[in-house]
Amino acid sequence: MIIAALIMLVLFLSPLFILGENAHIRVHDNLDSNLAWYKVLVESGQLTGDIDARISQVINGELQRNAFGTEFSLIVWLYALFPTMTAYALSQAITRIVAFGGMYLLLKKHFTADPKWAVINVGVSLAFSMTPFWPSGMLSTLGMPLALWAFLNIRSGENSWKNYLVLTLLPLYSSIVLGFFFFLSAMGLLWLVDGVRGKGWNWAFLLAIAYMTIIFMLVEYRLVYSFLFDHEPNSRDEYFHARLTLGHSIKLTFKNYFLGHNHVLTIHTIVIQPVLFLALIFVWIKKRWEQERTFLFLFILNFVLSAWYAFWFYKGWLPLTERFHFLDTFNFARYHFLRPLIIYVLFAVSLRILWQFGGEWKKAVPWLVAAQIILLVFSNEEIVYHNKPSVKEFFAEEQFGQIKDYIGLDQEDYRVASLGLHPAIAQYNGFYTLDTYNNFYPLTYKYKFRKIIEKELAKNKTIRTYFDEWGGRCYLFTDELGKHYMFKKNTKRKLENLELNMEPFKEMGGRYLLSSVPIENASENGLVLDRVFDDKRSAWKIHLYKAL
């Protein structure tokens, strides 16, 4: 059964290895950012650079090396050693195989241990490994079952070297801020509850939590340094999250509970959620409240985490965020990143409850597992994103090579910005950009860049709020295009009333503007159309404008 599951997982991954650059993968927080970041970092010569090193290719060298994360992360070395899509495919394979193995070990040992439930353990583990997780999150969420397996082993007195090997290796392929901060604090709370409830102060368990935390601190030393010692104001200092009304927060609670979140999608709405409710009904009918305490705890926790996520954005937090600034700069809403682990463990426990109910429900269990797996097959990136540009079409290396050759200057001698397409594309192709998408960069640069687009921001509250109260996307936003930045070659959109301030653009070294849409009033903005570049292997028609 395990062999069959692994074969299916190989088939699920196969489009990435077979199609390579012609594969279709997620754009949001993936092609538009992380994949380009890895390439820029590797080519910058600063992969192992000093703590205060800068990336010269991005925002005039004001981007800190620390914005690209640690060199002790395996994913960085995959992109350093292999072509982009080979690295991406290998990363997907590593993550999904570890996710399958971790969930299988966890269920078999701690939740559905009886051999007769093997179909549940294998099926749920396969389903968990096929979820459409955020690719650059690596094992930050999908590694949690393996970590929980190790911690529960240690908690029960099993101090095997295998448990500590897991706690040592997982930080090398996951992120503390994208999952494990919340997981480790949850483990700390579990330790505390055990002690308060009279189960004893399990010092081996606490030391294991401390050990993994220390490993993360060593691996993420750049992040630790930036948090503790870098006092230069950055773009996250203006991140403002507490804006939702009570009604909107309640609505978001249920939306997240039933549909999930973009970065940790679990595809649980159609099959898993009804199974959870059925199991709850069966527990009620059989009055098994005491026997199913784990199920009931996880069922309630699943909802509580959705409420926590939604109410983190409730404007009632405002007095606290104004007093304690780190409540704005650190996203505590991410406790809901624990939900993939909880939902799939709940799924397994719920299937076990249905099995124990007997009769037709027992016979239905394998079919419910199969239904969830089939549903997840259709969540494969190649299917979901088949209408989006392929990787080759997105990065358009041949087309941008033509632009580079046409300009005829060393790329480091001039700066460009993009309009109507992600600046990551220009960065991926070696251009030095004034615009960027990064988690944090100097606040002084944000203010300088804002001068270029201040007239456009004044016209449109949506993009003004998006830029001023977050600003991670330091883009050339315009009123006419709004919060859209992927206009392909077949678009009919054009800019007729563009108002950019080109003086600060030129003062910052800007010479060319790469636009995926024509600018009708280019001359009014001190721009002249130099040439239009089209390529059948590209998703874009690039209008190259030169600043006069």
Protein backbone atom coordinates (compact mmCIF):
# COMPACT_ATOMS: atom_id res chain seq x y z
CA MET A 1 0.00 0.00 0.00
CA ILE A 2 2.86 2.41 0.80
CA ILE A 3 4.57 1.56 -2.50
CA ALA A 4 1.35 2.32 -4.38
CA ALA A 5 1.04 5.66 -2.58
CA LEU A 6 4.63 6.60 -3.44
CA ILE A 7 4.07 5.66 -7.10
CA MET A 8 1.05 7.95 -7.16
CA LEU A 9 3.11 10.73 -5.59
CA VAL A 10 5.77 10.28 -8.28
CA LEU A 11 3.08 10.56 -10.96
CA PHE A 12 1.74 13.69 -9.24
CA LEU A 13 5.22 15.25 -9.40
CA SER A 14 6.04 14.04 -12.90
CA PRO A 15 4.82 17.12 -14.87
CA LEU A 16 7.52 19.23 -13.21
CA PHE A 17 10.30 16.85 -14.26
CA ILE A 18 8.89 16.10 -17.73
CA LEU A 19 7.85 19.61 -18.78
CA GLY A 20 10.61 21.59 -17.06
CA GLU A 21 10.40 25.25 -18.10
CA ASN A 22 7.20 24.51 -20.01
CA ALA A 23 5.43 23.60 -16.77
CA HIS A 24 2.74 25.86 -15.32
CA ILE A 25 3.26 26.73 -11.66
CA ARG A 26 1.99 29.24 -9.13
CA VAL A 27 2.75 32.91 -9.90
CA HIS A 28 1.70 34.63 -6.65
CA ASP A 29 4.53 34.64 -4.11
CA ASN A 30 6.43 32.21 -6.29
CA LEU A 31 7.30 33.16 -9.87
CA ASP A 32 6.76 36.83 -9.04
CA SER A 33 9.25 36.73 -6.19
CA ASN A 34 11.02 33.74 -4.65
CA LEU A 35 12.29 32.07 -7.82
CA ALA A 36 13.79 35.34 -8.99
CA TRP A 37 15.21 36.05 -5.52
CA TYR A 38 17.18 32.82 -5.49
CA LYS A 39 18.68 33.57 -8.90
CA VAL A 40 19.52 37.17 -7.99
CA LEU A 41 21.11 36.03 -4.72
CA VAL A 42 23.25 33.37 -6.35
CA GLU A 43 24.43 35.71 -9.13
CA SER A 44 25.07 38.59 -6.71
CA GLY A 45 28.09 36.86 -5.21
CA GLN A 46 26.59 37.51 -1.77
CA LEU A 47 25.14 34.06 -1.07
CA THR A 48 27.43 33.81 1.96
CA GLY A 49 27.98 37.55 2.21
CA ASP A 50 28.57 39.58 5.36
CA ILE A 51 25.75 40.37 7.74
CA ASP A 52 25.61 43.95 6.41
CA ALA A 53 26.12 43.08 2.71
CA ARG A 54 23.85 44.59 0.06
CA ILE A 55 22.37 43.25 -3.20
CA SER A 56 23.52 45.72 -5.85
CA GLN A 57 21.05 44.59 -8.54
CA VAL A 58 17.95 45.59 -6.58
CA ILE A 59 16.80 49.11 -5.55
CA ASN A 60 20.18 50.72 -6.15
CA GLY A 61 22.02 48.39 -3.81
CA GLU A 62 19.92 49.39 -0.81
CA LEU A 63 18.43 45.92 -0.38
CA GLN A 64 20.05 44.08 2.48
CA ARG A 65 21.48 40.62 1.92
CA ASN A 66 19.48 39.54 4.97
CA ALA A 67 16.22 40.12 3.05
CA PHE A 68 16.96 36.93 1.09
CA GLY A 69 17.27 34.64 4.09
CA THR A 70 19.94 32.26 5.28
CA GLU A 71 22.56 30.40 3.28
CA PHE A 72 22.04 27.44 5.61
CA SER A 73 18.72 26.69 3.93
CA LEU A 74 18.85 23.72 1.57
CA ILE A 75 16.45 25.38 -0.87
CA VAL A 76 18.97 28.16 -1.54
CA TRP A 77 21.61 25.58 -2.47
CA LEU A 78 19.21 23.72 -4.75
CA TYR A 79 18.84 26.92 -6.78
CA ALA A 80 22.58 27.56 -6.59
CA LEU A 81 23.45 24.09 -7.92
CA PHE A 82 20.66 23.41 -10.42
CA PRO A 83 18.68 25.26 -13.10
CA THR A 84 15.56 26.94 -11.75
CA MET A 85 12.98 24.33 -12.71
CA THR A 86 15.20 21.39 -11.74
CA ALA A 87 15.62 22.99 -8.30
CA TYR A 88 11.88 23.68 -8.08
CA ALA A 89 10.98 20.08 -8.99
CA LEU A 90 13.51 18.66 -6.53
CA SER A 91 12.19 20.94 -3.79
CA GLN A 92 8.63 19.82 -4.45
CA ALA A 93 9.73 16.17 -4.35
CA ILE A 94 11.67 16.57 -1.08
CA THR A 95 8.80 18.40 0.60
CA ARG A 96 6.06 16.01 -0.47
CA ILE A 97 8.01 12.85 0.35
CA VAL A 98 8.87 14.15 3.84
CA ALA A 99 5.25 15.28 4.31
CA PHE A 100 4.00 11.78 3.42
CA GLY A 101 6.50 10.02 5.68
CA GLY A 102 5.99 12.40 8.58
CA MET A 103 2.21 12.15 8.56
CA TYR A 104 2.35 8.36 8.20
CA LEU A 105 4.69 7.98 11.18
CA LEU A 106 2.61 10.37 13.26
CA LEU A 107 -0.72 8.65 12.59
CA LYS A 108 0.62 5.12 12.91
CA LYS A 109 2.34 5.83 16.21
CA HIS A 110 0.10 8.32 17.98
CA PHE A 111 -3.41 8.59 16.50
CA THR A 112 -4.56 5.56 14.47
CA ALA A 113 -2.13 2.89 15.61
CA ASP A 114 -4.12 -0.31 14.94
CA PRO A 115 -2.85 -2.12 11.78
CA LYS A 116 -6.45 -2.47 10.56
CA TRP A 117 -6.48 1.27 9.96
CA ALA A 118 -3.55 1.13 7.51
CA VAL A 119 -5.74 2.39 4.66
CA ILE A 120 -6.49 5.49 6.74
CA ASN A 121 -2.84 6.10 7.63
CA VAL A 122 -1.51 5.66 4.10
CA GLY A 123 -4.42 7.41 2.37
CA VAL A 124 -4.49 10.45 4.64
CA SER A 125 -0.69 10.75 4.47
CA LEU A 126 -0.78 10.68 0.68
CA ALA A 127 -3.55 13.28 0.62
CA PHE A 128 -1.63 15.52 3.02
CA SER A 129 1.49 15.30 0.86
CA MET A 130 -0.48 16.35 -2.23
CA THR A 131 -1.91 19.56 -0.77
CA PRO A 132 -1.11 22.72 -2.80
CA PHE A 133 1.20 24.24 -0.20
CA TRP A 134 3.13 27.47 -0.75
CA PRO A 135 6.24 26.19 -2.59
CA SER A 136 8.82 28.46 -0.98
CA GLY A 137 7.45 27.58 2.45
CA MET A 138 9.28 24.26 2.04
CA LEU A 139 8.63 22.11 5.14
CA SER A 140 7.47 25.03 7.26
CA THR A 141 3.96 23.54 7.44
CA LEU A 142 4.29 20.15 5.77
CA GLY A 143 7.18 19.22 8.06
CA MET A 144 5.08 19.69 11.18
CA PRO A 145 3.76 16.10 11.34
CA LEU A 146 7.30 14.73 11.39
CA ALA A 147 8.28 17.23 14.08
CA LEU A 148 5.19 16.38 16.13
CA TRP A 149 6.00 12.68 15.83
CA ALA A 150 9.47 13.33 17.26
CA PHE A 151 8.20 15.58 20.05
CA LEU A 152 5.42 13.19 21.11
CA ASN A 153 7.98 10.39 21.18
CA ILE A 154 10.23 12.43 23.46
CA ARG A 155 7.25 13.50 25.56
CA SER A 156 6.39 9.84 26.18
CA GLY A 157 9.96 9.09 27.30
CA GLU A 158 11.43 7.78 24.04
CA ASN A 159 14.79 9.52 23.69
CA SER A 160 15.92 7.87 20.46
CA TRP A 161 18.58 9.55 18.30
CA LYS A 162 16.05 9.46 15.44
CA ASN A 163 13.88 12.01 17.20
CA TYR A 164 16.76 14.43 17.66
CA LEU A 165 17.93 13.90 14.08
CA VAL A 166 14.49 15.07 12.92
CA LEU A 167 14.68 18.13 15.18
CA THR A 168 18.15 18.90 13.80
CA LEU A 169 17.44 18.50 10.09
CA LEU A 170 14.00 20.10 9.75
CA PRO A 171 15.31 23.66 10.40
CA LEU A 172 17.57 23.26 7.36
CA TYR A 173 14.53 23.03 5.08
CA SER A 174 11.91 25.17 6.76
CA SER A 175 11.41 28.65 8.15
CA ILE A 176 10.75 29.67 11.72
CA VAL A 177 8.65 32.70 10.71
CA LEU A 178 6.64 30.74 8.14
CA GLY A 179 5.51 28.03 10.49
CA PHE A 180 7.81 26.72 13.16
CA PHE A 181 7.69 29.70 15.54
CA PHE A 182 4.01 28.93 15.95
CA PHE A 183 4.55 25.19 16.14
CA LEU A 184 7.30 25.45 18.76
CA SER A 185 5.30 27.87 20.89
CA ALA A 186 2.39 25.41 20.69
CA MET A 187 4.73 22.66 21.90
CA GLY A 188 5.80 24.92 24.76
CA LEU A 189 2.16 25.44 25.69
CA LEU A 190 1.59 21.67 25.61
CA TRP A 191 4.54 21.21 28.00
CA LEU A 192 3.11 23.84 30.33
CA VAL A 193 -0.40 22.31 30.28
CA ASP A 194 1.07 18.89 31.07
CA GLY A 195 2.82 20.31 34.11
CA VAL A 196 -0.19 22.28 35.37
CA ARG A 197 -2.46 19.23 34.97
CA GLY A 198 -0.18 17.21 37.23
CA LYS A 199 1.47 15.05 34.60
CA GLY A 200 4.87 16.19 35.78
CA TRP A 201 7.36 18.72 34.48
CA ASN A 202 8.79 16.79 31.55
CA TRP A 203 12.27 18.33 31.31
CA ALA A 204 13.35 16.12 28.40
CA PHE A 205 10.37 17.43 26.41
CA LEU A 206 11.21 21.05 27.31
CA LEU A 207 14.88 20.58 26.44
CA ALA A 208 13.87 19.13 23.05
CA ILE A 209 11.76 22.23 22.36
CA ALA A 210 14.67 24.45 23.40
CA TYR A 211 17.07 22.40 21.28
CA MET A 212 15.07 22.81 18.08
CA THR A 213 14.59 26.50 18.82
CA ILE A 214 18.35 26.97 19.18
CA ILE A 215 18.98 25.13 15.90
CA PHE A 216 16.53 27.48 14.19
CA MET A 217 18.25 30.51 15.73
CA LEU A 218 21.62 29.33 14.41
CA VAL A 219 20.27 28.57 10.95
CA GLU A 220 18.30 31.85 10.81
CA TYR A 221 21.11 33.96 12.28
CA ARG A 222 20.52 36.70 9.69
CA LEU A 223 16.90 37.05 10.75
CA VAL A 224 17.89 37.05 14.42
CA TYR A 225 20.48 39.75 13.79
CA SER A 226 18.02 41.90 11.81
CA PHE A 227 15.38 41.58 14.54
CA LEU A 228 17.68 42.31 17.47
CA PHE A 229 20.40 44.61 16.17
CA ASP A 230 19.34 46.25 12.90
CA HIS A 231 17.51 49.41 13.91
CA GLU A 232 17.32 50.96 10.44
CA PRO A 233 13.62 51.63 9.74
CA ASN A 234 12.30 49.29 7.04
CA SER A 235 9.15 48.90 5.00
CA ARG A 236 7.56 46.57 7.57
CA ASP A 237 7.58 49.41 10.09
CA GLU A 238 4.63 50.85 8.17
CA TYR A 239 2.73 47.58 7.92
CA PHE A 240 -0.74 48.13 9.33
CA HIS A 241 -3.07 45.17 9.78
CA ALA A 242 -5.76 46.09 12.31
CA ARG A 243 -8.45 47.41 9.99
CA LEU A 244 -11.42 44.97 9.92
CA THR A 245 -14.76 45.63 11.59
CA LEU A 246 -16.30 43.06 13.93
CA GLY A 247 -18.65 41.90 11.19
CA HIS A 248 -15.85 41.48 8.66
CA SER A 249 -13.78 39.58 11.22
CA ILE A 250 -16.62 37.13 11.87
CA LYS A 251 -17.14 36.67 8.15
CA LEU A 252 -13.42 36.04 7.62
CA THR A 253 -13.44 33.50 10.45
CA PHE A 254 -15.92 31.28 8.64
CA LYS A 255 -14.35 31.90 5.25
CA ASN A 256 -10.99 30.72 6.56
CA TYR A 257 -12.56 27.83 8.45
CA PHE A 258 -14.35 26.40 5.42
CA LEU A 259 -12.09 27.49 2.54
CA GLY A 260 -8.61 27.83 4.06
CA HIS A 261 -5.83 30.28 3.23
CA ASN A 262 -3.86 30.84 0.05
CA HIS A 263 -0.48 29.97 1.59
CA VAL A 264 -1.62 26.82 3.41
CA LEU A 265 -4.40 25.45 1.25
CA THR A 266 -5.76 22.14 2.50
CA ILE A 267 -8.62 21.57 0.01
CA HIS A 268 -10.75 20.34 2.89
CA THR A 269 -14.12 21.90 2.06
CA ILE A 270 -15.79 19.22 -0.07
CA VAL A 271 -14.74 15.92 1.48
CA ILE A 272 -12.91 16.47 4.77
CA GLN A 273 -15.22 19.04 6.36
CA PRO A 274 -18.38 16.89 6.03
CA VAL A 275 -16.43 13.91 7.42
CA LEU A 276 -15.44 15.99 10.47
CA PHE A 277 -19.06 16.96 11.10
CA LEU A 278 -20.21 13.36 10.63
CA ALA A 279 -17.66 12.18 13.17
CA LEU A 280 -18.88 14.82 15.62
CA ILE A 281 -22.46 13.59 15.17
CA PHE A 282 -21.36 9.98 15.77
CA VAL A 283 -19.49 10.98 18.92
CA TRP A 284 -22.65 12.70 20.13
CA ILE A 285 -24.88 9.72 19.26
CA LYS A 286 -22.59 7.25 21.02
CA LYS A 287 -21.88 9.65 23.91
CA ARG A 288 -18.15 9.05 23.43
CA TRP A 289 -17.11 12.47 24.74
CA GLU A 290 -14.55 11.04 27.14
CA GLN A 291 -13.07 8.47 24.71
CA GLU A 292 -12.74 11.02 21.90
CA ARG A 293 -11.19 13.90 23.83
CA THR A 294 -8.37 14.23 21.27
CA PHE A 295 -10.88 14.52 18.43
CA LEU A 296 -12.95 17.12 20.29
CA PHE A 297 -9.87 19.14 21.24
CA LEU A 298 -8.59 19.23 17.67
CA PHE A 299 -12.07 19.97 16.31
CA ILE A 300 -12.41 23.02 18.56
CA LEU A 301 -8.79 24.11 18.01
CA ASN A 302 -9.32 24.05 14.25
CA PHE A 303 -12.09 26.62 14.56
CA VAL A 304 -10.25 28.69 17.19
CA LEU A 305 -7.26 29.07 14.86
CA SER A 306 -9.52 30.35 12.09
CA ALA A 307 -11.03 32.88 14.49
CA TRP A 308 -7.55 33.88 15.67
CA TYR A 309 -6.46 34.46 12.08
CA ALA A 310 -9.49 36.58 11.26
CA PHE A 311 -9.53 38.61 14.48
CA TRP A 312 -5.82 39.39 14.19
CA PHE A 313 -6.98 41.91 11.58
CA TYR A 314 -9.76 43.29 13.80
CA LYS A 315 -9.38 47.01 14.37
CA GLY A 316 -9.91 46.49 18.09
CA TRP A 317 -6.19 45.59 18.25
CA LEU A 318 -5.28 49.18 17.33
CA PRO A 319 -4.52 50.46 20.86
CA LEU A 320 -2.16 47.53 21.46
CA THR A 321 -0.42 47.77 18.06
CA GLU A 322 0.16 51.48 18.62
CA ARG A 323 1.79 50.73 21.97
CA PHE A 324 3.69 47.57 21.01
CA HIS A 325 5.10 48.03 17.53
CA PHE A 326 6.22 44.41 17.07
CA LEU A 327 2.53 43.40 16.95
CA ASP A 328 2.44 45.10 13.54
CA THR A 329 5.81 44.00 12.20
CA PHE A 330 5.42 40.32 13.16
CA ASN A 331 2.46 38.42 11.71
CA PHE A 332 0.98 36.54 14.66
CA ALA A 333 -2.01 35.60 12.49
CA ARG A 334 0.16 32.78 11.18
CA TYR A 335 -0.82 30.54 14.05
CA HIS A 336 -3.38 29.34 11.53
CA PHE A 337 -0.44 27.77 9.66
CA LEU A 338 -0.93 24.92 12.15
CA ARG A 339 -4.24 24.08 10.47
CA PRO A 340 -2.94 21.74 7.71
CA LEU A 341 -1.49 19.48 10.40
CA ILE A 342 -4.63 19.67 12.53
CA ILE A 343 -7.10 19.22 9.65
CA TYR A 344 -5.45 16.09 8.28
CA VAL A 345 -4.96 14.51 11.70
CA LEU A 346 -8.62 15.30 12.35
CA PHE A 347 -9.50 13.69 9.02
CA ALA A 348 -7.70 10.48 10.03
CA VAL A 349 -9.28 10.41 13.50
CA SER A 350 -12.72 11.14 12.02
CA LEU A 351 -12.36 8.28 9.54
CA ARG A 352 -11.41 6.00 12.41
CA ILE A 353 -14.59 7.07 14.25
CA LEU A 354 -16.68 6.28 11.15
CA TRP A 355 -14.90 2.92 10.86
CA GLN A 356 -15.75 2.09 14.46
CA PHE A 357 -19.39 3.02 13.87
CA GLY A 358 -19.46 -0.03 11.61
CA GLY A 359 -21.77 -1.13 8.82
CA GLU A 360 -21.86 0.90 5.63
CA TRP A 361 -19.83 3.66 7.27
CA LYS A 362 -16.87 1.33 7.71
CA LYS A 363 -17.11 0.37 4.04
CA ALA A 364 -17.27 4.06 3.09
CA VAL A 365 -13.94 4.95 4.71
CA PRO A 366 -11.66 3.84 1.81
CA TRP A 367 -13.93 5.63 -0.64
CA LEU A 368 -13.80 8.85 1.34
CA VAL A 369 -10.00 8.64 1.39
CA ALA A 370 -9.98 8.03 -2.37
CA ALA A 371 -12.36 10.94 -2.96
CA GLN A 372 -10.02 13.35 -1.15
CA ILE A 373 -7.00 12.05 -3.10
CA ILE A 374 -8.84 12.42 -6.43
CA LEU A 375 -9.84 15.95 -5.46
CA LEU A 376 -6.20 16.76 -4.74
CA VAL A 377 -5.06 15.33 -8.07
CA PHE A 378 -7.01 18.18 -9.65
CA SER A 379 -5.15 20.66 -7.44
CA ASN A 380 -1.92 19.85 -9.28
CA GLU A 381 -0.23 23.07 -10.40
CA GLU A 382 -0.21 21.97 -14.03
CA ILE A 383 -4.01 21.75 -13.94
CA VAL A 384 -4.79 24.75 -11.74
CA TYR A 385 -2.46 27.15 -13.58
CA HIS A 386 -2.75 25.83 -17.14
CA ASN A 387 -4.20 29.19 -18.27
CA LYS A 388 -1.30 31.13 -16.75
CA PRO A 389 2.06 31.63 -18.48
CA SER A 390 4.46 28.72 -18.32
CA VAL A 391 7.73 29.34 -16.51
CA LYS A 392 9.46 29.85 -19.86
CA GLU A 393 6.78 32.29 -21.04
CA PHE A 394 6.80 34.14 -17.73
CA PHE A 395 10.54 34.82 -17.46
CA ALA A 396 10.87 35.29 -21.25
CA GLU A 397 14.65 35.01 -21.26
CA GLU A 398 15.03 35.24 -25.05
CA GLN A 399 12.88 38.37 -25.24
CA PHE A 400 14.64 40.12 -22.38
CA GLY A 401 17.96 39.09 -23.89
CA GLN A 402 16.90 40.98 -27.03
CA ILE A 403 16.05 44.04 -24.93
CA LYS A 404 19.42 43.85 -23.19
CA ASP A 405 21.24 43.59 -26.53
CA TYR A 406 19.22 46.44 -28.02
CA ILE A 407 20.06 48.79 -25.16
CA GLY A 408 23.68 47.78 -25.61
CA LEU A 409 24.99 48.96 -22.23
CA ASP A 410 26.27 46.99 -19.28
CA GLN A 411 23.20 46.24 -17.17
CA GLU A 412 24.86 47.64 -14.07
CA ASP A 413 25.21 51.05 -15.76
CA TYR A 414 21.49 51.88 -15.89
CA ARG A 415 18.29 51.19 -13.98
CA VAL A 416 14.88 50.05 -15.19
CA ALA A 417 11.39 49.77 -13.74
CA SER A 418 8.44 47.69 -14.91
CA LEU A 419 4.88 48.75 -15.58
CA GLY A 420 2.10 46.19 -15.93
CA LEU A 421 4.36 43.23 -15.14
CA HIS A 422 6.34 41.99 -12.17
CA PRO A 423 9.83 43.48 -11.69
CA ALA A 424 10.98 39.96 -10.78
CA ILE A 425 11.03 39.21 -14.51
CA ALA A 426 13.57 41.95 -15.22
CA GLN A 427 15.57 40.93 -12.13
CA TYR A 428 15.61 37.29 -13.24
CA ASN A 429 17.10 38.44 -16.53
CA GLY A 430 19.90 40.42 -14.93
CA PHE A 431 18.45 43.94 -15.13
CA TYR A 432 19.10 46.35 -12.28
CA THR A 433 15.69 47.49 -11.04
CA LEU A 434 14.39 50.43 -9.06
CA ASP A 435 11.22 48.49 -8.25
CA THR A 436 10.98 45.22 -6.37
CA TYR A 437 8.91 42.84 -4.31
CA ASN A 438 10.61 42.08 -1.01
CA ASN A 439 9.61 41.38 2.58
CA PHE A 440 11.54 44.32 3.94
CA TYR A 441 13.76 47.06 2.55
CA PRO A 442 14.82 50.50 3.86
CA LEU A 443 11.93 52.82 4.62
CA THR A 444 13.94 55.72 3.22
CA TYR A 445 13.94 54.00 -0.16
CA LYS A 446 10.18 53.50 -0.02
CA TYR A 447 9.77 57.26 0.45
CA LYS A 448 12.12 58.03 -2.46
CA PHE A 449 10.30 55.62 -4.73
CA ARG A 450 6.91 56.96 -3.68
CA LYS A 451 7.74 60.35 -5.22
CA ILE A 452 7.67 58.71 -8.65
CA ILE A 453 4.10 57.48 -8.24
CA GLU A 454 2.67 60.00 -5.76
CA LYS A 455 0.24 61.52 -8.30
CA GLU A 456 -1.09 58.08 -9.23
CA LEU A 457 -1.48 57.10 -5.57
CA ALA A 458 -3.42 60.31 -4.94
CA LYS A 459 -6.02 59.23 -7.51
CA ASN A 460 -6.72 55.77 -6.11
CA LYS A 461 -7.32 54.94 -2.45
CA THR A 462 -6.87 51.18 -2.98
CA ILE A 463 -3.35 51.37 -4.34
CA ARG A 464 -2.46 54.21 -1.95
CA THR A 465 -3.43 52.12 1.07
CA TYR A 466 -1.73 49.05 -0.40
CA PHE A 467 1.54 50.91 -0.90
CA ASP A 468 1.54 53.17 2.15
CA GLU A 469 0.33 50.66 4.73
CA TRP A 470 2.29 47.69 3.44
CA GLY A 471 4.59 48.47 0.53
CA GLY A 472 6.12 45.01 0.07
CA ARG A 473 5.38 45.47 -3.61
CA CYS A 474 7.42 48.55 -4.43
CA TYR A 475 5.85 48.79 -7.90
CA LEU A 476 4.95 51.53 -10.36
CA PHE A 477 1.28 51.49 -9.41
CA THR A 478 -1.15 53.45 -11.56
CA ASP A 479 -4.77 54.45 -11.12
CA GLU A 480 -5.80 52.96 -14.49
CA LEU A 481 -4.25 49.54 -13.88
CA GLY A 482 -4.93 49.35 -10.13
CA LYS A 483 -3.60 46.36 -8.19
CA HIS A 484 -2.93 44.34 -11.33
CA TYR A 485 0.53 43.65 -12.64
CA MET A 486 0.31 40.85 -15.20
CA PHE A 487 -0.95 42.20 -18.50
CA LYS A 488 -0.14 39.63 -21.18
CA LYS A 489 0.45 40.36 -24.86
CA ASN A 490 -3.22 39.90 -25.78
CA THR A 491 -4.39 42.65 -23.41
CA LYS A 492 -6.39 45.59 -24.76
CA ARG A 493 -5.48 47.79 -21.82
CA LYS A 494 -3.56 51.01 -22.33
CA LEU A 495 -2.55 53.97 -20.23
CA GLU A 496 -4.08 57.27 -21.30
CA ASN A 497 -3.76 59.46 -18.21
CA LEU A 498 -0.49 58.35 -16.67
CA GLU A 499 1.17 60.85 -14.33
CA LEU A 500 4.65 59.82 -13.19
CA ASN A 501 7.28 62.09 -11.73
CA MET A 502 10.26 61.25 -13.89
CA GLU A 503 12.74 63.56 -12.18
CA PRO A 504 13.11 61.36 -9.07
CA PHE A 505 13.11 58.35 -11.41
CA LYS A 506 16.11 59.75 -13.29
CA GLU A 507 17.81 60.95 -10.11
CA MET A 508 17.72 57.35 -8.87
CA GLY A 509 19.44 56.21 -12.08
CA GLY A 510 16.28 55.21 -13.96
CA ARG A 511 16.70 55.27 -17.71
CA TYR A 512 14.21 52.78 -19.15
CA LEU A 513 10.68 51.75 -18.40
CA LEU A 514 9.55 48.24 -19.40
CA SER A 515 5.79 48.35 -19.95
CA SER A 516 3.46 45.51 -20.94
CA VAL A 517 0.85 48.07 -22.04
CA PRO A 518 1.17 51.06 -24.37
CA ILE A 519 1.38 54.53 -22.80
CA GLU A 520 -0.71 56.93 -24.91
CA ASN A 521 0.56 60.07 -23.17
CA ALA A 522 4.19 59.00 -22.91
CA SER A 523 5.55 62.40 -23.99
CA GLU A 524 3.65 64.15 -21.18
CA ASN A 525 5.61 61.94 -18.77
CA GLY A 526 9.00 62.65 -20.29
CA LEU A 527 9.08 59.26 -22.02
CA VAL A 528 9.66 58.23 -25.59
CA LEU A 529 8.83 54.85 -27.07
CA ASP A 530 12.12 53.31 -28.15
CA ARG A 531 10.96 49.94 -29.47
CA VAL A 532 8.32 47.22 -29.00
CA PHE A 533 9.54 43.67 -28.35
CA ASP A 534 7.38 40.64 -29.07
CA ASP A 535 8.36 36.99 -28.96
CA LYS A 536 6.22 33.90 -29.53
CA ARG A 537 7.95 32.20 -26.56
CA SER A 538 6.98 35.05 -24.22
CA ALA A 539 3.72 35.97 -22.49
CA TRP A 540 4.47 39.68 -22.88
CA LYS A 541 4.67 42.44 -25.45
CA ILE A 542 7.25 44.79 -23.97
CA HIS A 543 7.12 48.47 -24.81
CA LEU A 544 10.56 49.91 -24.09
CA TYR A 545 10.28 53.56 -23.07
CA LYS A 546 13.30 55.78 -22.55
CA ALA A 547 13.34 58.64 -20.05
CA LEU A 548 14.20 61.91 -21.77
